[in-house]
Amino acid sequence: MSECAQIVAVLKRSLKARGTTYRDLARSVGLSEASIKRIFAEETFSLTRLEQICTALGLSIAEVARMAAQHATPGGQQLTIE
């Protein structure tokens, strides 16, 4: 699973855990529900939009990245100094 997909999965789990719908999130960030659904489906978040979504969920980008890393599958690609 790509890192983008992992971040989206964390955001979806966070929405579900909080009982927040796409409609609720759309209102919080000033978008339509259709736009929220599209950016989640296409995984097309700008950093600004990601920050807005995280803020609406009471999370930081760093927390979301940390949660995504914890759910990453072992054996994923990792860059080395070489």
Protein backbone atom coordinates (compact mmCIF):
# COMPACT_ATOMS: atom_id res chain seq x y z
CA MET A 1 0.00 0.00 0.00
CA SER A 2 1.41 3.42 -0.91
CA GLU A 3 2.07 6.01 1.76
CA CYS A 4 -0.71 8.19 0.35
CA ALA A 5 -3.15 5.30 0.61
CA GLN A 6 -2.03 4.66 4.19
CA ILE A 7 -2.65 8.30 5.13
CA VAL A 8 -6.09 8.22 3.51
CA ALA A 9 -6.87 4.99 5.41
CA VAL A 10 -5.89 6.67 8.70
CA LEU A 11 -8.10 9.65 7.90
CA LYS A 12 -11.03 7.38 7.05
CA ARG A 13 -10.57 5.42 10.29
CA SER A 14 -10.43 8.70 12.21
CA LEU A 15 -13.64 9.90 10.58
CA LYS A 16 -15.38 6.66 11.45
CA ALA A 17 -14.07 6.62 15.03
CA ARG A 18 -15.37 10.15 15.59
CA GLY A 19 -18.69 9.50 13.88
CA THR A 20 -17.91 12.26 11.38
CA THR A 21 -19.40 12.00 7.91
CA TYR A 22 -17.97 13.33 4.67
CA ARG A 23 -20.75 15.92 4.81
CA ASP A 24 -19.63 17.05 8.29
CA LEU A 25 -16.03 17.22 7.14
CA ALA A 26 -17.00 19.16 4.01
CA ARG A 27 -18.74 21.80 6.12
CA SER A 28 -15.70 22.07 8.39
CA VAL A 29 -13.27 22.71 5.53
CA GLY A 30 -15.58 24.71 3.27
CA LEU A 31 -15.98 22.20 0.44
CA SER A 32 -18.87 20.26 -1.00
CA GLU A 33 -19.42 16.67 0.07
CA ALA A 34 -18.73 15.59 -3.52
CA SER A 35 -15.33 17.33 -3.41
CA ILE A 36 -14.41 15.57 -0.18
CA LYS A 37 -15.42 12.21 -1.62
CA ARG A 38 -13.37 12.90 -4.75
CA ILE A 39 -10.18 13.90 -2.96
CA PHE A 40 -10.42 10.84 -0.72
CA ALA A 41 -11.09 8.52 -3.67
CA GLU A 42 -8.36 10.03 -5.83
CA GLU A 43 -5.96 10.63 -2.91
CA THR A 44 -5.34 14.16 -4.20
CA PHE A 45 -4.67 16.19 -1.07
CA SER A 46 -2.64 19.36 -1.16
CA LEU A 47 -0.70 19.93 2.05
CA THR A 48 -3.01 22.81 2.88
CA ARG A 49 -6.09 20.64 2.39
CA LEU A 50 -4.53 17.82 4.41
CA GLU A 51 -3.83 20.27 7.23
CA GLN A 52 -7.45 21.52 7.13
CA ILE A 53 -8.80 17.98 7.27
CA CYS A 54 -6.46 17.01 10.09
CA THR A 55 -7.43 20.13 12.05
CA ALA A 56 -11.12 19.34 11.55
CA LEU A 57 -10.45 15.87 13.01
CA GLY A 58 -8.42 17.26 15.92
CA LEU A 59 -5.18 15.75 14.62
CA SER A 60 -1.88 17.06 13.34
CA ILE A 61 -0.29 15.95 10.08
CA ALA A 62 2.53 14.45 12.17
CA GLU A 63 0.05 12.34 14.15
CA VAL A 64 -1.59 11.08 10.97
CA ALA A 65 1.79 10.22 9.46
CA ARG A 66 2.80 8.40 12.64
CA MET A 67 -0.44 6.38 12.65
CA ALA A 68 0.03 5.55 8.96
CA ALA A 69 3.57 4.35 9.65
CA GLN A 70 2.35 2.11 12.47
CA HIS A 71 -0.11 0.42 10.11
CA ALA A 72 2.40 0.07 7.28
CA THR A 73 3.05 -3.41 6.07
CA PRO A 74 6.46 -4.82 7.05
CA GLY A 75 8.97 -5.17 4.26
CA GLY A 76 8.05 -1.92 2.58
CA GLN A 77 10.65 0.01 0.69
CA GLN A 78 13.01 2.09 2.75
CA LEU A 79 15.65 4.51 1.51
CA THR A 80 19.20 4.07 2.71
CA ILE A 81 22.18 6.43 2.64
CA GLU A 82 23.63 4.51 -0.29
